[in-house]
Each structure stands twice: as structure tokens, then as C-alpha cells.
Amino acid sequence: MLSVLDPLGLPVAIHIVLGERADDPLSLPAIAQVSQSLDTRACVHVQQDFYVCPLAAKQLPGEVLEEYLRPVCAGEQA
């Protein structure tokens, strides 16, 4: 079972099971895990703070990263 954050497709919860039973009972714990993670992200956003994590070049191409970092390098943003 995989839960991802759109539009990046960033995995936020992964549950690997044997496949010997239905995965329906696993949905509620997975939803709770994702909700807890999203609560953390929402709190960081509301406080106008930063959540730093590495992203693969496929998720964040070099040109986009350079654009994001331009204000920092120019001293316009801490």
C-alpha cells in the first residue's frame, strides 16, 4: 500500500504486506499515518517556516532549484 503527495508523487506512507489478506483493514492506519505527516507539514506552512528535504532531479529539475535558490543567493531571502 502506497500513499503519495500529489503532484510530486512523493511517498508519505508505505506499507508492505504479504498479500494473504485484503488490504482494506490497513487503510485506516495508513490514513492516520498520512494525516499525522500532513499535520506536521501544515503546521510548518502556517508558521511560515521551512521544511527541508532532498528531492530527486526528476521531482525538482536543476533549473527549478536554481530559481528557488536565486533569492537566497542574491541576499533577498534568509
PDB file of N, CA and C in Angstrom:
ATOM      1  N   MET A   1       0.861  -1.153   0.000  1.00  0.00           N
ATOM      2  CA  MET A   1       0.000   0.000   0.000  1.00  0.00           C
ATOM      3  C   MET A   1       0.911   1.221   0.000  1.00  0.00           C
ATOM      4  N   LEU A   2       0.617   2.181  -0.870  1.00  0.00           N
ATOM      5  CA  LEU A   2       1.453   3.361  -1.009  1.00  0.00           C
ATOM      6  C   LEU A   2       0.571   4.603  -1.000  1.00  0.00           C
ATOM      7  N   SER A   3       0.938   5.580  -0.176  1.00  0.00           N
ATOM      8  CA  SER A   3       0.258   6.877  -0.156  1.00  0.00           C
ATOM      9  C   SER A   3       1.266   7.900  -0.639  1.00  0.00           C
ATOM     10  N   VAL A   4       0.851   8.739  -1.601  1.00  0.00           N
ATOM     11  CA  VAL A   4       1.770   9.730  -2.162  1.00  0.00           C
ATOM     12  C   VAL A   4       1.173  11.123  -2.081  1.00  0.00           C
ATOM     13  N   LEU A   5       2.059  12.115  -2.098  1.00  0.00           N
ATOM     14  CA  LEU A   5       1.667  13.514  -2.069  1.00  0.00           C
ATOM     15  C   LEU A   5       1.704  14.043  -3.491  1.00  0.00           C
ATOM     16  N   ASP A   6       0.557  14.422  -4.026  1.00  0.00           N
ATOM     17  CA  ASP A   6       0.493  14.978  -5.377  1.00  0.00           C
ATOM     18  C   ASP A   6       0.872  16.434  -5.364  1.00  0.00           C
ATOM     19  N   PRO A   7       1.363  17.030  -6.411  1.00  0.00           N
ATOM     20  CA  PRO A   7       1.590  16.460  -7.738  1.00  0.00           C
ATOM     21  C   PRO A   7       2.962  15.823  -7.883  1.00  0.00           C
ATOM     22  N   LEU A   8       3.774  15.819  -6.830  1.00  0.00           N
ATOM     23  CA  LEU A   8       5.127  15.273  -6.939  1.00  0.00           C
ATOM     24  C   LEU A   8       5.177  13.756  -6.978  1.00  0.00           C
ATOM     25  N   GLY A   9       4.167  13.105  -6.430  1.00  0.00           N
ATOM     26  CA  GLY A   9       4.232  11.663  -6.285  1.00  0.00           C
ATOM     27  C   GLY A   9       5.185  11.278  -5.168  1.00  0.00           C
ATOM     28  N   LEU A  10       5.358  12.185  -4.202  1.00  0.00           N
ATOM     29  CA  LEU A  10       6.276  11.980  -3.084  1.00  0.00           C
ATOM     30  C   LEU A  10       5.658  10.990  -2.101  1.00  0.00           C
ATOM     31  N   PRO A  11       6.291   9.826  -1.874  1.00  0.00           N
ATOM     32  CA  PRO A  11       5.726   8.852  -0.932  1.00  0.00           C
ATOM     33  C   PRO A  11       5.697   9.410   0.492  1.00  0.00           C
ATOM     34  N   VAL A  12       4.563   9.279   1.158  1.00  0.00           N
ATOM     35  CA  VAL A  12       4.432   9.707   2.547  1.00  0.00           C
ATOM     36  C   VAL A  12       4.126   8.538   3.475  1.00  0.00           C
ATOM     37  N   ALA A  13       3.699   7.412   2.922  1.00  0.00           N
ATOM     38  CA  ALA A  13       3.470   6.213   3.725  1.00  0.00           C
ATOM     39  C   ALA A  13       3.554   4.989   2.826  1.00  0.00           C
ATOM     40  N   ILE A  14       4.273   4.003   3.301  1.00  0.00           N
ATOM     41  CA  ILE A  14       4.407   2.751   2.558  1.00  0.00           C
ATOM     42  C   ILE A  14       4.175   1.603   3.536  1.00  0.00           C
ATOM     43  N   HIS A  15       3.291   0.699   3.160  1.00  0.00           N
ATOM     44  CA  HIS A  15       3.023  -0.489   3.963  1.00  0.00           C
ATOM     45  C   HIS A  15       3.199  -1.703   3.065  1.00  0.00           C
ATOM     46  N   ILE A  16       4.133  -2.564   3.418  1.00  0.00           N
ATOM     47  CA  ILE A  16       4.376  -3.774   2.645  1.00  0.00           C
ATOM     48  C   ILE A  16       3.755  -4.938   3.408  1.00  0.00           C
ATOM     49  N   VAL A  17       2.884  -5.658   2.724  1.00  0.00           N
ATOM     50  CA  VAL A  17       2.195  -6.788   3.351  1.00  0.00           C
ATOM     51  C   VAL A  17       2.376  -8.027   2.482  1.00  0.00           C
ATOM     52  N   LEU A  18       2.098  -9.183   3.064  1.00  0.00           N
ATOM     53  CA  LEU A  18       2.301 -10.444   2.360  1.00  0.00           C
ATOM     54  C   LEU A  18       1.300 -10.676   1.233  1.00  0.00           C
ATOM     55  N   GLY A  19       0.142 -10.083   1.313  1.00  0.00           N
ATOM     56  CA  GLY A  19      -0.861 -10.285   0.279  1.00  0.00           C
ATOM     57  C   GLY A  19      -1.783 -11.457   0.552  1.00  0.00           C
ATOM     58  N   GLU A  20      -1.739 -11.976   1.751  1.00  0.00           N
ATOM     59  CA  GLU A  20      -2.574 -13.135   2.092  1.00  0.00           C
ATOM     60  C   GLU A  20      -3.952 -12.734   2.601  1.00  0.00           C
ATOM     61  N   ARG A  21      -4.191 -11.422   2.695  1.00  0.00           N
ATOM     62  CA  ARG A  21      -5.500 -10.950   3.158  1.00  0.00           C
ATOM     63  C   ARG A  21      -5.803  -9.633   2.473  1.00  0.00           C
ATOM     64  N   ALA A  22      -7.036  -9.203   2.592  1.00  0.00           N
ATOM     65  CA  ALA A  22      -7.459  -7.942   1.991  1.00  0.00           C
ATOM     66  C   ALA A  22      -6.745  -6.778   2.675  1.00  0.00           C
ATOM     67  N   ASP A  23      -6.469  -5.746   1.907  1.00  0.00           N
ATOM     68  CA  ASP A  23      -5.761  -4.602   2.496  1.00  0.00           C
ATOM     69  C   ASP A  23      -6.714  -3.552   3.059  1.00  0.00           C
ATOM     70  N   ASP A  24      -8.023  -3.774   2.955  1.00  0.00           N
ATOM     71  CA  ASP A  24      -8.986  -2.802   3.493  1.00  0.00           C
ATOM     72  C   ASP A  24      -8.752  -2.459   4.961  1.00  0.00           C
ATOM     73  N   PRO A  25      -8.486  -3.445   5.844  1.00  0.00           N
ATOM     74  CA  PRO A  25      -8.264  -3.099   7.245  1.00  0.00           C
ATOM     75  C   PRO A  25      -7.006  -2.249   7.467  1.00  0.00           C
ATOM     76  N   LEU A  26      -6.128  -2.201   6.493  1.00  0.00           N
ATOM     77  CA  LEU A  26      -4.905  -1.412   6.623  1.00  0.00           C
ATOM     78  C   LEU A  26      -5.112   0.048   6.230  1.00  0.00           C
ATOM     79  N   SER A  27      -6.233   0.349   5.615  1.00  0.00           N
ATOM     80  CA  SER A  27      -6.470   1.709   5.114  1.00  0.00           C
ATOM     81  C   SER A  27      -6.542   2.740   6.233  1.00  0.00           C
ATOM     82  N   LEU A  28      -7.270   2.454   7.291  1.00  0.00           N
ATOM     83  CA  LEU A  28      -7.422   3.442   8.370  1.00  0.00           C
ATOM     84  C   LEU A  28      -6.094   3.765   9.061  1.00  0.00           C
ATOM     85  N   PRO A  29      -5.266   2.762   9.399  1.00  0.00           N
ATOM     86  CA  PRO A  29      -3.962   3.114   9.967  1.00  0.00           C
ATOM     87  C   PRO A  29      -3.089   3.918   8.992  1.00  0.00           C
ATOM     88  N   ALA A  30      -3.165   3.607   7.703  1.00  0.00           N
ATOM     89  CA  ALA A  30      -2.391   4.353   6.701  1.00  0.00           C
ATOM     90  C   ALA A  30      -2.884   5.789   6.609  1.00  0.00           C
ATOM     91  N   ILE A  31      -4.190   5.981   6.632  1.00  0.00           N
ATOM     92  CA  ILE A  31      -4.763   7.332   6.589  1.00  0.00           C
ATOM     93  C   ILE A  31      -4.337   8.116   7.825  1.00  0.00           C
ATOM     94  N   ALA A  32      -4.335   7.472   8.990  1.00  0.00           N
ATOM     95  CA  ALA A  32      -3.905   8.144  10.226  1.00  0.00           C
ATOM     96  C   ALA A  32      -2.443   8.555  10.138  1.00  0.00           C
ATOM     97  N   GLN A  33      -1.604   7.684   9.583  1.00  0.00           N
ATOM     98  CA  GLN A  33      -0.181   7.999   9.437  1.00  0.00           C
ATOM     99  C   GLN A  33       0.017   9.181   8.495  1.00  0.00           C
ATOM    100  N   VAL A  34      -0.675   9.184   7.374  1.00  0.00           N
ATOM    101  CA  VAL A  34      -0.564  10.283   6.413  1.00  0.00           C
ATOM    102  C   VAL A  34      -1.090  11.579   7.021  1.00  0.00           C
ATOM    103  N   SER A  35      -2.199  11.502   7.735  1.00  0.00           N
ATOM    104  CA  SER A  35      -2.770  12.703   8.354  1.00  0.00           C
ATOM    105  C   SER A  35      -1.798  13.323   9.349  1.00  0.00           C
ATOM    106  N   GLN A  36      -1.120  12.485  10.122  1.00  0.00           N
ATOM    107  CA  GLN A  36      -0.146  12.992  11.088  1.00  0.00           C
ATOM    108  C   GLN A  36       0.988  13.708  10.361  1.00  0.00           C
ATOM    109  N   SER A  37       1.442  13.146   9.270  1.00  0.00           N
ATOM    110  CA  SER A  37       2.501  13.772   8.477  1.00  0.00           C
ATOM    111  C   SER A  37       2.017  15.090   7.890  1.00  0.00           C
ATOM    112  N   LEU A  38       0.783  15.117   7.392  1.00  0.00           N
ATOM    113  CA  LEU A  38       0.244  16.342   6.799  1.00  0.00           C
ATOM    114  C   LEU A  38       0.011  17.405   7.857  1.00  0.00           C
ATOM    115  N   ASP A  39      -0.353  16.987   9.090  1.00  0.00           N
ATOM    116  CA  ASP A  39      -0.491  17.955  10.184  1.00  0.00           C
ATOM    117  C   ASP A  39       0.832  18.668  10.425  1.00  0.00           C
ATOM    118  N   THR A  40       1.921  17.904  10.388  1.00  0.00           N
ATOM    119  CA  THR A  40       3.249  18.490  10.574  1.00  0.00           C
ATOM    120  C   THR A  40       3.545  19.488   9.464  1.00  0.00           C
ATOM    121  N   ARG A  41       3.286  19.104   8.231  1.00  0.00           N
ATOM    122  CA  ARG A  41       3.546  19.984   7.089  1.00  0.00           C
ATOM    123  C   ARG A  41       2.673  21.236   7.159  1.00  0.00           C
ATOM    124  N   ALA A  42       1.419  21.079   7.557  1.00  0.00           N
ATOM    125  CA  ALA A  42       0.519  22.228   7.662  1.00  0.00           C
ATOM    126  C   ALA A  42       1.001  23.194   8.740  1.00  0.00           C
ATOM    127  N   CYS A  43       1.465  22.656   9.866  1.00  0.00           N
ATOM    128  CA  CYS A  43       1.975  23.493  10.949  1.00  0.00           C
ATOM    129  C   CYS A  43       3.185  24.293  10.483  1.00  0.00           C
ATOM    130  N   VAL A  44       4.090  23.659   9.777  1.00  0.00           N
ATOM    131  CA  VAL A  44       5.273  24.344   9.251  1.00  0.00           C
ATOM    132  C   VAL A  44       4.846  25.454   8.295  1.00  0.00           C
ATOM    133  N   HIS A  45       3.874  25.165   7.444  1.00  0.00           N
ATOM    134  CA  HIS A  45       3.387  26.155   6.473  1.00  0.00           C
ATOM    135  C   HIS A  45       2.723  27.344   7.169  1.00  0.00           C
ATOM    136  N   VAL A  46       1.856  27.073   8.135  1.00  0.00           N
ATOM    137  CA  VAL A  46       1.135  28.137   8.839  1.00  0.00           C
ATOM    138  C   VAL A  46       2.103  29.069   9.560  1.00  0.00           C
ATOM    139  N   GLN A  47       3.170  28.509  10.100  1.00  0.00           N
ATOM    140  CA  GLN A  47       4.157  29.325  10.810  1.00  0.00           C
ATOM    141  C   GLN A  47       5.145  29.997   9.854  1.00  0.00           C
ATOM    142  N   GLN A  48       4.915  29.824   8.553  1.00  0.00           N
ATOM    143  CA  GLN A  48       5.776  30.378   7.500  1.00  0.00           C
ATOM    144  C   GLN A  48       7.227  29.959   7.711  1.00  0.00           C
ATOM    145  N   ASP A  49       7.391  28.702   8.108  1.00  0.00           N
ATOM    146  CA  ASP A  49       8.710  28.142   8.312  1.00  0.00           C
ATOM    147  C   ASP A  49       9.072  27.311   7.087  1.00  0.00           C
ATOM    148  N   PHE A  50      10.158  26.589   7.155  1.00  0.00           N
ATOM    149  CA  PHE A  50      10.622  25.807   6.017  1.00  0.00           C
ATOM    150  C   PHE A  50      10.713  24.345   6.388  1.00  0.00           C
ATOM    151  N   TYR A  51      10.403  23.486   5.457  1.00  0.00           N
ATOM    152  CA  TYR A  51      10.511  22.043   5.610  1.00  0.00           C
ATOM    153  C   TYR A  51      11.510  21.598   4.558  1.00  0.00           C
ATOM    154  N   VAL A  52      12.681  21.209   4.981  1.00  0.00           N
ATOM    155  CA  VAL A  52      13.754  20.908   4.044  1.00  0.00           C
ATOM    156  C   VAL A  52      13.884  19.401   3.871  1.00  0.00           C
ATOM    157  N   CYS A  53      13.896  18.962   2.615  1.00  0.00           N
ATOM    158  CA  CYS A  53      14.137  17.564   2.313  1.00  0.00           C
ATOM    159  C   CYS A  53      14.740  17.472   0.918  1.00  0.00           C
ATOM    160  N   PRO A  54      15.593  16.499   0.689  1.00  0.00           N
ATOM    161  CA  PRO A  54      16.178  16.353  -0.644  1.00  0.00           C
ATOM    162  C   PRO A  54      15.150  15.801  -1.621  1.00  0.00           C
ATOM    163  N   LEU A  55      15.188  16.308  -2.830  1.00  0.00           N
ATOM    164  CA  LEU A  55      14.317  15.811  -3.882  1.00  0.00           C
ATOM    165  C   LEU A  55      15.175  15.351  -5.059  1.00  0.00           C
ATOM    166  N   ALA A  56      14.764  14.300  -5.700  1.00  0.00           N
ATOM    167  CA  ALA A  56      15.473  13.816  -6.877  1.00  0.00           C
ATOM    168  C   ALA A  56      15.323  14.827  -8.011  1.00  0.00           C
ATOM    169  N   ALA A  57      16.264  14.814  -8.926  1.00  0.00           N
ATOM    170  CA  ALA A  57      16.227  15.737 -10.066  1.00  0.00           C
ATOM    171  C   ALA A  57      14.955  15.542 -10.891  1.00  0.00           C
ATOM    172  N   LYS A  58      14.399  14.355 -10.852  1.00  0.00           N
ATOM    173  CA  LYS A  58      13.150  14.103 -11.585  1.00  0.00           C
ATOM    174  C   LYS A  58      11.990  14.881 -10.961  1.00  0.00           C
ATOM    175  N   GLN A  59      12.012  15.010  -9.632  1.00  0.00           N
ATOM    176  CA  GLN A  59      10.958  15.730  -8.921  1.00  0.00           C
ATOM    177  C   GLN A  59      11.219  17.228  -8.918  1.00  0.00           C
ATOM    178  N   LEU A  60      12.489  17.611  -8.907  1.00  0.00           N
ATOM    179  CA  LEU A  60      12.852  19.023  -8.864  1.00  0.00           C
ATOM    180  C   LEU A  60      14.047  19.241  -9.794  1.00  0.00           C
ATOM    181  N   PRO A  61      13.771  19.557 -11.063  1.00  0.00           N
ATOM    182  CA  PRO A  61      14.855  19.758 -12.028  1.00  0.00           C
ATOM    183  C   PRO A  61      15.795  20.880 -11.580  1.00  0.00           C
ATOM    184  N   GLY A  62      17.045  20.800 -12.017  1.00  0.00           N
ATOM    185  CA  GLY A  62      18.058  21.763 -11.639  1.00  0.00           C
ATOM    186  C   GLY A  62      17.671  23.204 -11.892  1.00  0.00           C
ATOM    187  N   GLU A  63      16.997  23.460 -13.026  1.00  0.00           N
ATOM    188  CA  GLU A  63      16.588  24.835 -13.348  1.00  0.00           C
ATOM    189  C   GLU A  63      15.597  25.375 -12.325  1.00  0.00           C
ATOM    190  N   VAL A  64      14.694  24.532 -11.884  1.00  0.00           N
ATOM    191  CA  VAL A  64      13.698  24.946 -10.897  1.00  0.00           C
ATOM    192  C   VAL A  64      14.381  25.197  -9.548  1.00  0.00           C
ATOM    193  N   LEU A  65      15.305  24.320  -9.163  1.00  0.00           N
ATOM    194  CA  LEU A  65      16.049  24.505  -7.920  1.00  0.00           C
ATOM    195  C   LEU A  65      16.826  25.820  -7.947  1.00  0.00           C
ATOM    196  N   GLU A  66      17.477  26.110  -9.072  1.00  0.00           N
ATOM    197  CA  GLU A  66      18.212  27.375  -9.196  1.00  0.00           C
ATOM    198  C   GLU A  66      17.284  28.572  -9.024  1.00  0.00           C
ATOM    199  N   GLU A  67      16.096  28.481  -9.593  1.00  0.00           N
ATOM    200  CA  GLU A  67      15.119  29.576  -9.478  1.00  0.00           C
ATOM    201  C   GLU A  67      14.685  29.752  -8.019  1.00  0.00           C
ATOM    202  N   TYR A  68      14.457  28.638  -7.319  1.00  0.00           N
ATOM    203  CA  TYR A  68      14.081  28.700  -5.909  1.00  0.00           C
ATOM    204  C   TYR A  68      15.190  29.321  -5.059  1.00  0.00           C
ATOM    205  N   LEU A  69      16.443  29.018  -5.396  1.00  0.00           N
ATOM    206  CA  LEU A  69      17.580  29.479  -4.597  1.00  0.00           C
ATOM    207  C   LEU A  69      18.069  30.869  -4.978  1.00  0.00           C
ATOM    208  N   ARG A  70      17.628  31.397  -6.117  1.00  0.00           N
ATOM    209  CA  ARG A  70      18.080  32.709  -6.588  1.00  0.00           C
ATOM    210  C   ARG A  70      17.910  33.808  -5.536  1.00  0.00           C
ATOM    211  N   PRO A  71      16.739  33.947  -4.862  1.00  0.00           N
ATOM    212  CA  PRO A  71      16.591  34.994  -3.844  1.00  0.00           C
ATOM    213  C   PRO A  71      17.543  34.818  -2.653  1.00  0.00           C
ATOM    214  N   VAL A  72      17.861  33.564  -2.316  1.00  0.00           N
ATOM    215  CA  VAL A  72      18.770  33.317  -1.209  1.00  0.00           C
ATOM    216  C   VAL A  72      20.183  33.743  -1.601  1.00  0.00           C
ATOM    217  N   CYS A  73      20.606  33.349  -2.778  1.00  0.00           N
ATOM    218  CA  CYS A  73      21.955  33.695  -3.249  1.00  0.00           C
ATOM    219  C   CYS A  73      22.113  35.210  -3.451  1.00  0.00           C
ATOM    220  N   ALA A  74      21.026  35.888  -3.789  1.00  0.00           N
ATOM    221  CA  ALA A  74      21.069  37.327  -4.003  1.00  0.00           C
ATOM    222  C   ALA A  74      20.944  38.093  -2.693  1.00  0.00           C
ATOM    223  N   GLY A  75      20.763  37.399  -1.577  1.00  0.00           N
ATOM    224  CA  GLY A  75      20.642  38.057  -0.282  1.00  0.00           C
ATOM    225  C   GLY A  75      19.282  38.679  -0.039  1.00  0.00           C
ATOM    226  N   GLU A  76      18.304  38.335  -0.868  1.00  0.00           N
ATOM    227  CA  GLU A  76      16.945  38.878  -0.728  1.00  0.00           C
ATOM    228  C   GLU A  76      16.106  38.074   0.261  1.00  0.00           C
ATOM    229  N   GLN A  77      16.555  36.871   0.565  1.00  0.00           N
ATOM    230  CA  GLN A  77      15.807  35.979   1.470  1.00  0.00           C
ATOM    231  C   GLN A  77      16.814  35.250   2.357  1.00  0.00           C
ATOM    232  N   ALA A  78      16.482  35.176   3.623  1.00  0.00           N
ATOM    233  CA  ALA A  78      17.381  34.476   4.571  1.00  0.00           C
ATOM    234  C   ALA A  78      17.422  32.995   4.261  1.00  0.00           C
TER     235      ALA A  78
END
